[in-house]
Structures are given as structure tokens and as C-alpha cells.
Amino acid sequence: MSGSFENYFTVAWWVALIVIVCAMAGLMASFSDSAFNLIHDRVLGRFRNNRIAIKFRKFHETYRTYRNNPRSLVSFSALTLAEQFLLIVQ
């Protein structure tokens, strides 16, 4: 029975690691000019005048302004992690 549990535990750790790596790659790509242009010009190019695509582009442009102010981004991330930690402790 414990061998089966250890296998599930190992799989869970690998899945968590893959999710974390993908999230980090997505975060880095979200601040990249080439990734931004690829998404909005090539992938969403057909839907350029679509209301949802316009809102997505505006949101992404606003989000990208944080790369010019990394201190705010780090502060926000640290406060978010602290909030989640306090909920767990509570």
C-alpha cells in the first residue's frame, strides 16, 4: 500500500514542478515584446476588431507596464503570497 502512495506522491511532485515551470515561462513570455506581437498580431490578428480581443489587448498592454516598475510587481507578489500564507496558518 505504501508503495502505491509513494508513486502518487512522486507524480504529484512532478506535476507541480511542471506547472510551476510553465507558469514561470508564461510570466516571462508575457513581458516579451515578441511574444506580445505574436499573440496579438498573428494568433488574434483575424479578430483584431473583436470587442473581446480589443479588451484583451488593452489589459495586456496595461499589465506589461509593470515591467517598467518591477518594485511594484515584487511588492504585489509578496503581499499576495503573504495573504495566502496567513490564510493557511489561520
PDB file of N, CA and C in Angstrom:
ATOM      1  N   MET A   1       0.811  -1.193   0.000  1.00  0.00           N
ATOM      2  CA  MET A   1       0.000   0.000   0.000  1.00  0.00           C
ATOM      3  C   MET A   1       0.855   1.258   0.000  1.00  0.00           C
ATOM      4  N   SER A   2       1.936   1.272   0.773  1.00  0.00           N
ATOM      5  CA  SER A   2       2.749   2.481   0.840  1.00  0.00           C
ATOM      6  C   SER A   2       3.489   2.727  -0.468  1.00  0.00           C
ATOM      7  N   GLY A   3       3.842   1.677  -1.199  1.00  0.00           N
ATOM      8  CA  GLY A   3       4.500   1.865  -2.490  1.00  0.00           C
ATOM      9  C   GLY A   3       3.605   2.581  -3.473  1.00  0.00           C
ATOM     10  N   SER A   4       2.323   2.260  -3.443  1.00  0.00           N
ATOM     11  CA  SER A   4       1.357   2.925  -4.311  1.00  0.00           C
ATOM     12  C   SER A   4       1.230   4.395  -3.947  1.00  0.00           C
ATOM     13  N   PHE A   5       1.205   4.677  -2.646  1.00  0.00           N
ATOM     14  CA  PHE A   5       1.108   6.064  -2.184  1.00  0.00           C
ATOM     15  C   PHE A   5       2.331   6.868  -2.609  1.00  0.00           C
ATOM     16  N   GLU A   6       3.512   6.255  -2.500  1.00  0.00           N
ATOM     17  CA  GLU A   6       4.735   6.943  -2.892  1.00  0.00           C
ATOM     18  C   GLU A   6       4.741   7.257  -4.381  1.00  0.00           C
ATOM     19  N   ASN A   7       4.207   6.371  -5.207  1.00  0.00           N
ATOM     20  CA  ASN A   7       4.131   6.634  -6.643  1.00  0.00           C
ATOM     21  C   ASN A   7       3.222   7.821  -6.936  1.00  0.00           C
ATOM     22  N   TYR A   8       2.077   7.885  -6.268  1.00  0.00           N
ATOM     23  CA  TYR A   8       1.173   9.022  -6.460  1.00  0.00           C
ATOM     24  C   TYR A   8       1.819  10.315  -5.976  1.00  0.00           C
ATOM     25  N   PHE A   9       2.540  10.227  -4.876  1.00  0.00           N
ATOM     26  CA  PHE A   9       3.211  11.398  -4.335  1.00  0.00           C
ATOM     27  C   PHE A   9       4.282  11.895  -5.302  1.00  0.00           C
ATOM     28  N   THR A  10       5.039  10.989  -5.894  1.00  0.00           N
ATOM     29  CA  THR A  10       6.070  11.355  -6.863  1.00  0.00           C
ATOM     30  C   THR A  10       5.438  12.000  -8.093  1.00  0.00           C
ATOM     31  N   VAL A  11       4.355  11.439  -8.568  1.00  0.00           N
ATOM     32  CA  VAL A  11       3.659  12.010  -9.727  1.00  0.00           C
ATOM     33  C   VAL A  11       3.144  13.411  -9.398  1.00  0.00           C
ATOM     34  N   ALA A  12       2.604  13.575  -8.195  1.00  0.00           N
ATOM     35  CA  ALA A  12       2.092  14.897  -7.792  1.00  0.00           C
ATOM     36  C   ALA A  12       3.215  15.933  -7.773  1.00  0.00           C
ATOM     37  N   TRP A  13       4.391  15.564  -7.275  1.00  0.00           N
ATOM     38  CA  TRP A  13       5.516  16.491  -7.263  1.00  0.00           C
ATOM     39  C   TRP A  13       5.955  16.853  -8.679  1.00  0.00           C
ATOM     40  N   TRP A  14       6.007  15.868  -9.572  1.00  0.00           N
ATOM     41  CA  TRP A  14       6.395  16.153 -10.951  1.00  0.00           C
ATOM     42  C   TRP A  14       5.372  17.059 -11.635  1.00  0.00           C
ATOM     43  N   VAL A  15       4.106  16.804 -11.410  1.00  0.00           N
ATOM     44  CA  VAL A  15       3.055  17.651 -11.990  1.00  0.00           C
ATOM     45  C   VAL A  15       3.176  19.073 -11.452  1.00  0.00           C
ATOM     46  N   ALA A  16       3.398  19.212 -10.148  1.00  0.00           N
ATOM     47  CA  ALA A  16       3.559  20.540  -9.548  1.00  0.00           C
ATOM     48  C   ALA A  16       4.770  21.257 -10.132  1.00  0.00           C
ATOM     49  N   LEU A  17       5.863  20.538 -10.307  1.00  0.00           N
ATOM     50  CA  LEU A  17       7.063  21.135 -10.890  1.00  0.00           C
ATOM     51  C   LEU A  17       6.806  21.609 -12.316  1.00  0.00           C
ATOM     52  N   ILE A  18       6.135  20.803 -13.101  1.00  0.00           N
ATOM     53  CA  ILE A  18       5.820  21.184 -14.486  1.00  0.00           C
ATOM     54  C   ILE A  18       4.916  22.410 -14.517  1.00  0.00           C
ATOM     55  N   VAL A  19       3.927  22.462 -13.639  1.00  0.00           N
ATOM     56  CA  VAL A  19       3.021  23.614 -13.587  1.00  0.00           C
ATOM     57  C   VAL A  19       3.788  24.879 -13.201  1.00  0.00           C
ATOM     58  N   ILE A  20       4.675  24.773 -12.229  1.00  0.00           N
ATOM     59  CA  ILE A  20       5.461  25.938 -11.802  1.00  0.00           C
ATOM     60  C   ILE A  20       6.377  26.423 -12.927  1.00  0.00           C
ATOM     61  N   VAL A  21       7.041  25.504 -13.605  1.00  0.00           N
ATOM     62  CA  VAL A  21       7.932  25.889 -14.708  1.00  0.00           C
ATOM     63  C   VAL A  21       7.134  26.542 -15.840  1.00  0.00           C
ATOM     64  N   CYS A  22       5.977  25.980 -16.162  1.00  0.00           N
ATOM     65  CA  CYS A  22       5.135  26.565 -17.219  1.00  0.00           C
ATOM     66  C   CYS A  22       4.632  27.953 -16.816  1.00  0.00           C
ATOM     67  N   ALA A  23       4.274  28.109 -15.559  1.00  0.00           N
ATOM     68  CA  ALA A  23       3.813  29.415 -15.080  1.00  0.00           C
ATOM     69  C   ALA A  23       4.926  30.450 -15.150  1.00  0.00           C
ATOM     70  N   MET A  24       6.142  30.055 -14.778  1.00  0.00           N
ATOM     71  CA  MET A  24       7.273  30.980 -14.856  1.00  0.00           C
ATOM     72  C   MET A  24       7.585  31.344 -16.307  1.00  0.00           C
ATOM     73  N   ALA A  25       7.539  30.360 -17.190  1.00  0.00           N
ATOM     74  CA  ALA A  25       7.780  30.629 -18.611  1.00  0.00           C
ATOM     75  C   ALA A  25       6.697  31.547 -19.169  1.00  0.00           C
ATOM     76  N   GLY A  26       5.458  31.312 -18.777  1.00  0.00           N
ATOM     77  CA  GLY A  26       4.360  32.178 -19.215  1.00  0.00           C
ATOM     78  C   GLY A  26       4.516  33.601 -18.705  1.00  0.00           C
ATOM     79  N   LEU A  27       4.955  33.740 -17.462  1.00  0.00           N
ATOM     80  CA  LEU A  27       5.170  35.075 -16.903  1.00  0.00           C
ATOM     81  C   LEU A  27       6.271  35.810 -17.651  1.00  0.00           C
ATOM     82  N   MET A  28       7.371  35.110 -17.920  1.00  0.00           N
ATOM     83  CA  MET A  28       8.460  35.754 -18.664  1.00  0.00           C
ATOM     84  C   MET A  28       8.028  36.102 -20.085  1.00  0.00           C
ATOM     85  N   ALA A  29       7.288  35.218 -20.715  1.00  0.00           N
ATOM     86  CA  ALA A  29       6.832  35.478 -22.083  1.00  0.00           C
ATOM     87  C   ALA A  29       5.813  36.614 -22.123  1.00  0.00           C
ATOM     88  N   SER A  30       5.056  36.783 -21.054  1.00  0.00           N
ATOM     89  CA  SER A  30       4.032  37.822 -21.057  1.00  0.00           C
ATOM     90  C   SER A  30       4.628  39.223 -21.085  1.00  0.00           C
ATOM     91  N   PHE A  31       5.880  39.366 -20.652  1.00  0.00           N
ATOM     92  CA  PHE A  31       6.542  40.662 -20.699  1.00  0.00           C
ATOM     93  C   PHE A  31       7.386  40.845 -21.961  1.00  0.00           C
ATOM     94  N   SER A  32       7.459  39.851 -22.802  1.00  0.00           N
ATOM     95  CA  SER A  32       8.277  39.896 -24.003  1.00  0.00           C
ATOM     96  C   SER A  32       7.533  40.607 -25.137  1.00  0.00           C
ATOM     97  N   ASP A  33       8.222  41.518 -25.812  1.00  0.00           N
ATOM     98  CA  ASP A  33       7.614  42.218 -26.946  1.00  0.00           C
ATOM     99  C   ASP A  33       7.307  41.267 -28.090  1.00  0.00           C
ATOM    100  N   SER A  34       8.215  40.327 -28.355  1.00  0.00           N
ATOM    101  CA  SER A  34       7.986  39.401 -29.467  1.00  0.00           C
ATOM    102  C   SER A  34       6.812  38.477 -29.178  1.00  0.00           C
ATOM    103  N   ALA A  35       6.674  38.016 -27.928  1.00  0.00           N
ATOM    104  CA  ALA A  35       5.525  37.170 -27.572  1.00  0.00           C
ATOM    105  C   ALA A  35       4.221  37.971 -27.654  1.00  0.00           C
ATOM    106  N   PHE A  36       4.260  39.221 -27.209  1.00  0.00           N
ATOM    107  CA  PHE A  36       3.090  40.092 -27.285  1.00  0.00           C
ATOM    108  C   PHE A  36       2.640  40.270 -28.731  1.00  0.00           C
ATOM    109  N   ASN A  37       3.606  40.569 -29.610  1.00  0.00           N
ATOM    110  CA  ASN A  37       3.273  40.756 -31.023  1.00  0.00           C
ATOM    111  C   ASN A  37       2.798  39.455 -31.671  1.00  0.00           C
ATOM    112  N   LEU A  38       3.397  38.347 -31.293  1.00  0.00           N
ATOM    113  CA  LEU A  38       2.975  37.055 -31.836  1.00  0.00           C
ATOM    114  C   LEU A  38       1.519  36.779 -31.468  1.00  0.00           C
ATOM    115  N   ILE A  39       1.174  36.976 -30.217  1.00  0.00           N
ATOM    116  CA  ILE A  39      -0.192  36.695 -29.767  1.00  0.00           C
ATOM    117  C   ILE A  39      -1.196  37.633 -30.434  1.00  0.00           C
ATOM    118  N   HIS A  40      -0.913  38.916 -30.405  1.00  0.00           N
ATOM    119  CA  HIS A  40      -1.908  39.885 -30.858  1.00  0.00           C
ATOM    120  C   HIS A  40      -1.945  40.091 -32.370  1.00  0.00           C
ATOM    121  N   ASP A  41      -0.822  39.930 -33.036  1.00  0.00           N
ATOM    122  CA  ASP A  41      -0.806  40.153 -34.479  1.00  0.00           C
ATOM    123  C   ASP A  41      -1.059  38.877 -35.279  1.00  0.00           C
ATOM    124  N   ARG A  42      -0.468  37.783 -34.855  1.00  0.00           N
ATOM    125  CA  ARG A  42      -0.589  36.550 -35.640  1.00  0.00           C
ATOM    126  C   ARG A  42      -1.724  35.655 -35.164  1.00  0.00           C
ATOM    127  N   VAL A  43      -1.776  35.409 -33.860  1.00  0.00           N
ATOM    128  CA  VAL A  43      -2.795  34.496 -33.340  1.00  0.00           C
ATOM    129  C   VAL A  43      -4.171  35.161 -33.343  1.00  0.00           C
ATOM    130  N   LEU A  44      -4.233  36.393 -32.840  1.00  0.00           N
ATOM    131  CA  LEU A  44      -5.516  37.097 -32.751  1.00  0.00           C
ATOM    132  C   LEU A  44      -5.713  38.109 -33.881  1.00  0.00           C
ATOM    133  N   GLY A  45      -4.874  38.061 -34.881  1.00  0.00           N
ATOM    134  CA  GLY A  45      -4.945  39.027 -35.978  1.00  0.00           C
ATOM    135  C   GLY A  45      -6.290  39.038 -36.690  1.00  0.00           C
ATOM    136  N   ARG A  46      -6.899  37.867 -36.853  1.00  0.00           N
ATOM    137  CA  ARG A  46      -8.204  37.795 -37.520  1.00  0.00           C
ATOM    138  C   ARG A  46      -9.301  38.466 -36.705  1.00  0.00           C
ATOM    139  N   PHE A  47      -9.112  38.493 -35.405  1.00  0.00           N
ATOM    140  CA  PHE A  47     -10.132  39.028 -34.507  1.00  0.00           C
ATOM    141  C   PHE A  47      -9.771  40.423 -33.997  1.00  0.00           C
ATOM    142  N   ARG A  48      -8.957  41.131 -34.747  1.00  0.00           N
ATOM    143  CA  ARG A  48      -8.442  42.431 -34.311  1.00  0.00           C
ATOM    144  C   ARG A  48      -9.546  43.410 -33.919  1.00  0.00           C
ATOM    145  N   ASN A  49     -10.663  43.397 -34.627  1.00  0.00           N
ATOM    146  CA  ASN A  49     -11.753  44.340 -34.347  1.00  0.00           C
ATOM    147  C   ASN A  49     -12.809  43.756 -33.418  1.00  0.00           C
ATOM    148  N   ASN A  50     -12.579  42.555 -32.919  1.00  0.00           N
ATOM    149  CA  ASN A  50     -13.489  41.919 -31.988  1.00  0.00           C
ATOM    150  C   ASN A  50     -13.398  42.625 -30.633  1.00  0.00           C
ATOM    151  N   ARG A  51     -14.530  42.831 -30.004  1.00  0.00           N
ATOM    152  CA  ARG A  51     -14.583  43.552 -28.732  1.00  0.00           C
ATOM    153  C   ARG A  51     -13.754  42.847 -27.654  1.00  0.00           C
ATOM    154  N   ILE A  52     -13.827  41.536 -27.581  1.00  0.00           N
ATOM    155  CA  ILE A  52     -13.075  40.783 -26.576  1.00  0.00           C
ATOM    156  C   ILE A  52     -11.572  40.874 -26.842  1.00  0.00           C
ATOM    157  N   ALA A  53     -11.170  40.768 -28.104  1.00  0.00           N
ATOM    158  CA  ALA A  53      -9.752  40.876 -28.454  1.00  0.00           C
ATOM    159  C   ALA A  53      -9.209  42.267 -28.131  1.00  0.00           C
ATOM    160  N   ILE A  54     -10.013  43.290 -28.341  1.00  0.00           N
ATOM    161  CA  ILE A  54      -9.600  44.666 -28.022  1.00  0.00           C
ATOM    162  C   ILE A  54      -9.395  44.807 -26.511  1.00  0.00           C
ATOM    163  N   LYS A  55     -10.320  44.268 -25.723  1.00  0.00           N
ATOM    164  CA  LYS A  55     -10.189  44.342 -24.259  1.00  0.00           C
ATOM    165  C   LYS A  55      -8.975  43.545 -23.782  1.00  0.00           C
ATOM    166  N   PHE A  56      -8.765  42.380 -24.388  1.00  0.00           N
ATOM    167  CA  PHE A  56      -7.606  41.567 -24.030  1.00  0.00           C
ATOM    168  C   PHE A  56      -6.319  42.311 -24.328  1.00  0.00           C
ATOM    169  N   ARG A  57      -6.248  42.968 -25.477  1.00  0.00           N
ATOM    170  CA  ARG A  57      -5.049  43.726 -25.835  1.00  0.00           C
ATOM    171  C   ARG A  57      -4.814  44.884 -24.863  1.00  0.00           C
ATOM    172  N   LYS A  58      -5.866  45.612 -24.514  1.00  0.00           N
ATOM    173  CA  LYS A  58      -5.724  46.728 -23.570  1.00  0.00           C
ATOM    174  C   LYS A  58      -5.270  46.224 -22.195  1.00  0.00           C
ATOM    175  N   PHE A  59      -5.867  45.109 -21.745  1.00  0.00           N
ATOM    176  CA  PHE A  59      -5.458  44.530 -20.465  1.00  0.00           C
ATOM    177  C   PHE A  59      -3.995  44.118 -20.505  1.00  0.00           C
ATOM    178  N   HIS A  60      -3.599  43.475 -21.595  1.00  0.00           N
ATOM    179  CA  HIS A  60      -2.216  43.014 -21.712  1.00  0.00           C
ATOM    180  C   HIS A  60      -1.256  44.196 -21.770  1.00  0.00           C
ATOM    181  N   GLU A  61      -1.614  45.262 -22.463  1.00  0.00           N
ATOM    182  CA  GLU A  61      -0.769  46.454 -22.518  1.00  0.00           C
ATOM    183  C   GLU A  61      -0.619  47.076 -21.131  1.00  0.00           C
ATOM    184  N   THR A  62      -1.706  47.121 -20.372  1.00  0.00           N
ATOM    185  CA  THR A  62      -1.652  47.652 -19.014  1.00  0.00           C
ATOM    186  C   THR A  62      -0.782  46.773 -18.126  1.00  0.00           C
ATOM    187  N   TYR A  63      -0.956  45.485 -18.248  1.00  0.00           N
ATOM    188  CA  TYR A  63      -0.168  44.519 -17.480  1.00  0.00           C
ATOM    189  C   TYR A  63       1.317  44.659 -17.791  1.00  0.00           C
ATOM    190  N   ARG A  64       1.644  44.875 -19.044  1.00  0.00           N
ATOM    191  CA  ARG A  64       3.048  44.977 -19.454  1.00  0.00           C
ATOM    192  C   ARG A  64       3.724  46.228 -18.922  1.00  0.00           C
ATOM    193  N   THR A  65       2.952  47.243 -18.523  1.00  0.00           N
ATOM    194  CA  THR A  65       3.572  48.450 -17.971  1.00  0.00           C
ATOM    195  C   THR A  65       4.284  48.146 -16.654  1.00  0.00           C
ATOM    196  N   TYR A  66       3.928  47.045 -15.995  1.00  0.00           N
ATOM    197  CA  TYR A  66       4.590  46.680 -14.747  1.00  0.00           C
ATOM    198  C   TYR A  66       6.041  46.260 -14.952  1.00  0.00           C
ATOM    199  N   ARG A  67       6.422  45.912 -16.165  1.00  0.00           N
ATOM    200  CA  ARG A  67       7.828  45.554 -16.383  1.00  0.00           C
ATOM    201  C   ARG A  67       8.725  46.773 -16.213  1.00  0.00           C
ATOM    202  N   ASN A  68       8.150  47.982 -16.350  1.00  0.00           N
ATOM    203  CA  ASN A  68       8.907  49.211 -16.123  1.00  0.00           C
ATOM    204  C   ASN A  68       8.990  49.553 -14.641  1.00  0.00           C
ATOM    205  N   ASN A  69       8.198  48.868 -13.815  1.00  0.00           N
ATOM    206  CA  ASN A  69       8.189  49.130 -12.387  1.00  0.00           C
ATOM    207  C   ASN A  69       8.233  47.795 -11.627  1.00  0.00           C
ATOM    208  N   PRO A  70       9.372  47.124 -11.652  1.00  0.00           N
ATOM    209  CA  PRO A  70       9.450  45.801 -11.034  1.00  0.00           C
ATOM    210  C   PRO A  70       9.244  45.831  -9.523  1.00  0.00           C
ATOM    211  N   ARG A  71       9.525  46.950  -8.894  1.00  0.00           N
ATOM    212  CA  ARG A  71       9.331  47.047  -7.440  1.00  0.00           C
ATOM    213  C   ARG A  71       7.862  46.846  -7.074  1.00  0.00           C
ATOM    214  N   SER A  72       6.965  47.445  -7.834  1.00  0.00           N
ATOM    215  CA  SER A  72       5.537  47.268  -7.573  1.00  0.00           C
ATOM    216  C   SER A  72       5.118  45.820  -7.813  1.00  0.00           C
ATOM    217  N   LEU A  73       5.654  45.217  -8.851  1.00  0.00           N
ATOM    218  CA  LEU A  73       5.319  43.830  -9.164  1.00  0.00           C
ATOM    219  C   LEU A  73       5.792  42.888  -8.064  1.00  0.00           C
ATOM    220  N   VAL A  74       6.997  43.091  -7.564  1.00  0.00           N
ATOM    221  CA  VAL A  74       7.526  42.253  -6.489  1.00  0.00           C
ATOM    222  C   VAL A  74       6.737  42.470  -5.198  1.00  0.00           C
ATOM    223  N   SER A  75       6.409  43.729  -4.904  1.00  0.00           N
ATOM    224  CA  SER A  75       5.623  44.029  -3.696  1.00  0.00           C
ATOM    225  C   SER A  75       4.257  43.372  -3.763  1.00  0.00           C
ATOM    226  N   PHE A  76       3.602  43.486  -4.906  1.00  0.00           N
ATOM    227  CA  PHE A  76       2.286  42.880  -5.069  1.00  0.00           C
ATOM    228  C   PHE A  76       2.364  41.360  -4.925  1.00  0.00           C
ATOM    229  N   SER A  77       3.362  40.759  -5.533  1.00  0.00           N
ATOM    230  CA  SER A  77       3.520  39.305  -5.451  1.00  0.00           C
ATOM    231  C   SER A  77       3.802  38.867  -4.015  1.00  0.00           C
ATOM    232  N   ALA A  78       4.662  39.598  -3.316  1.00  0.00           N
ATOM    233  CA  ALA A  78       4.981  39.245  -1.929  1.00  0.00           C
ATOM    234  C   ALA A  78       3.754  39.379  -1.035  1.00  0.00           C
ATOM    235  N   LEU A  79       2.972  40.435  -1.238  1.00  0.00           N
ATOM    236  CA  LEU A  79       1.762  40.606  -0.437  1.00  0.00           C
ATOM    237  C   LEU A  79       0.736  39.518  -0.737  1.00  0.00           C
ATOM    238  N   THR A  80       0.644  39.103  -1.980  1.00  0.00           N
ATOM    239  CA  THR A  80      -0.274  38.024  -2.339  1.00  0.00           C
ATOM    240  C   THR A  80       0.136  36.713  -1.673  1.00  0.00           C
ATOM    241  N   LEU A  81       1.428  36.403  -1.705  1.00  0.00           N
ATOM    242  CA  LEU A  81       1.915  35.194  -1.050  1.00  0.00           C
ATOM    243  C   LEU A  81       1.715  35.263   0.463  1.00  0.00           C
ATOM    244  N   ALA A  82       1.953  36.435   1.054  1.00  0.00           N
ATOM    245  CA  ALA A  82       1.747  36.600   2.497  1.00  0.00           C
ATOM    246  C   ALA A  82       0.277  36.402   2.856  1.00  0.00           C
ATOM    247  N   GLU A  83      -0.612  36.929   2.031  1.00  0.00           N
ATOM    248  CA  GLU A  83      -2.043  36.753   2.280  1.00  0.00           C
ATOM    249  C   GLU A  83      -2.424  35.275   2.250  1.00  0.00           C
ATOM    250  N   GLN A  84      -1.936  34.554   1.260  1.00  0.00           N
ATOM    251  CA  GLN A  84      -2.244  33.118   1.167  1.00  0.00           C
ATOM    252  C   GLN A  84      -1.638  32.356   2.344  1.00  0.00           C
ATOM    253  N   PHE A  85      -0.443  32.732   2.754  1.00  0.00           N
ATOM    254  CA  PHE A  85       0.192  32.071   3.876  1.00  0.00           C
ATOM    255  C   PHE A  85      -0.598  32.305   5.167  1.00  0.00           C
ATOM    256  N   LEU A  86      -1.075  33.538   5.348  1.00  0.00           N
ATOM    257  CA  LEU A  86      -1.869  33.830   6.549  1.00  0.00           C
ATOM    258  C   LEU A  86      -3.165  33.039   6.580  1.00  0.00           C
ATOM    259  N   LEU A  87      -3.780  32.844   5.414  1.00  0.00           N
ATOM    260  CA  LEU A  87      -4.996  32.041   5.367  1.00  0.00           C
ATOM    261  C   LEU A  87      -4.712  30.593   5.745  1.00  0.00           C
ATOM    262  N   ILE A  88      -3.586  30.071   5.319  1.00  0.00           N
ATOM    263  CA  ILE A  88      -3.226  28.693   5.643  1.00  0.00           C
ATOM    264  C   ILE A  88      -2.939  28.564   7.131  1.00  0.00           C
ATOM    265  N   VAL A  89      -2.212  29.525   7.693  1.00  0.00           N
ATOM    266  CA  VAL A  89      -1.870  29.490   9.108  1.00  0.00           C
ATOM    267  C   VAL A  89      -3.124  29.629   9.966  1.00  0.00           C
ATOM    268  N   GLN A  90      -4.008  30.474   9.530  1.00  0.00           N
ATOM    269  CA  GLN A  90      -5.228  30.712  10.290  1.00  0.00           C
ATOM    270  C   GLN A  90      -6.067  29.480  10.338  1.00  0.00           C
TER     271      GLN A  90
END
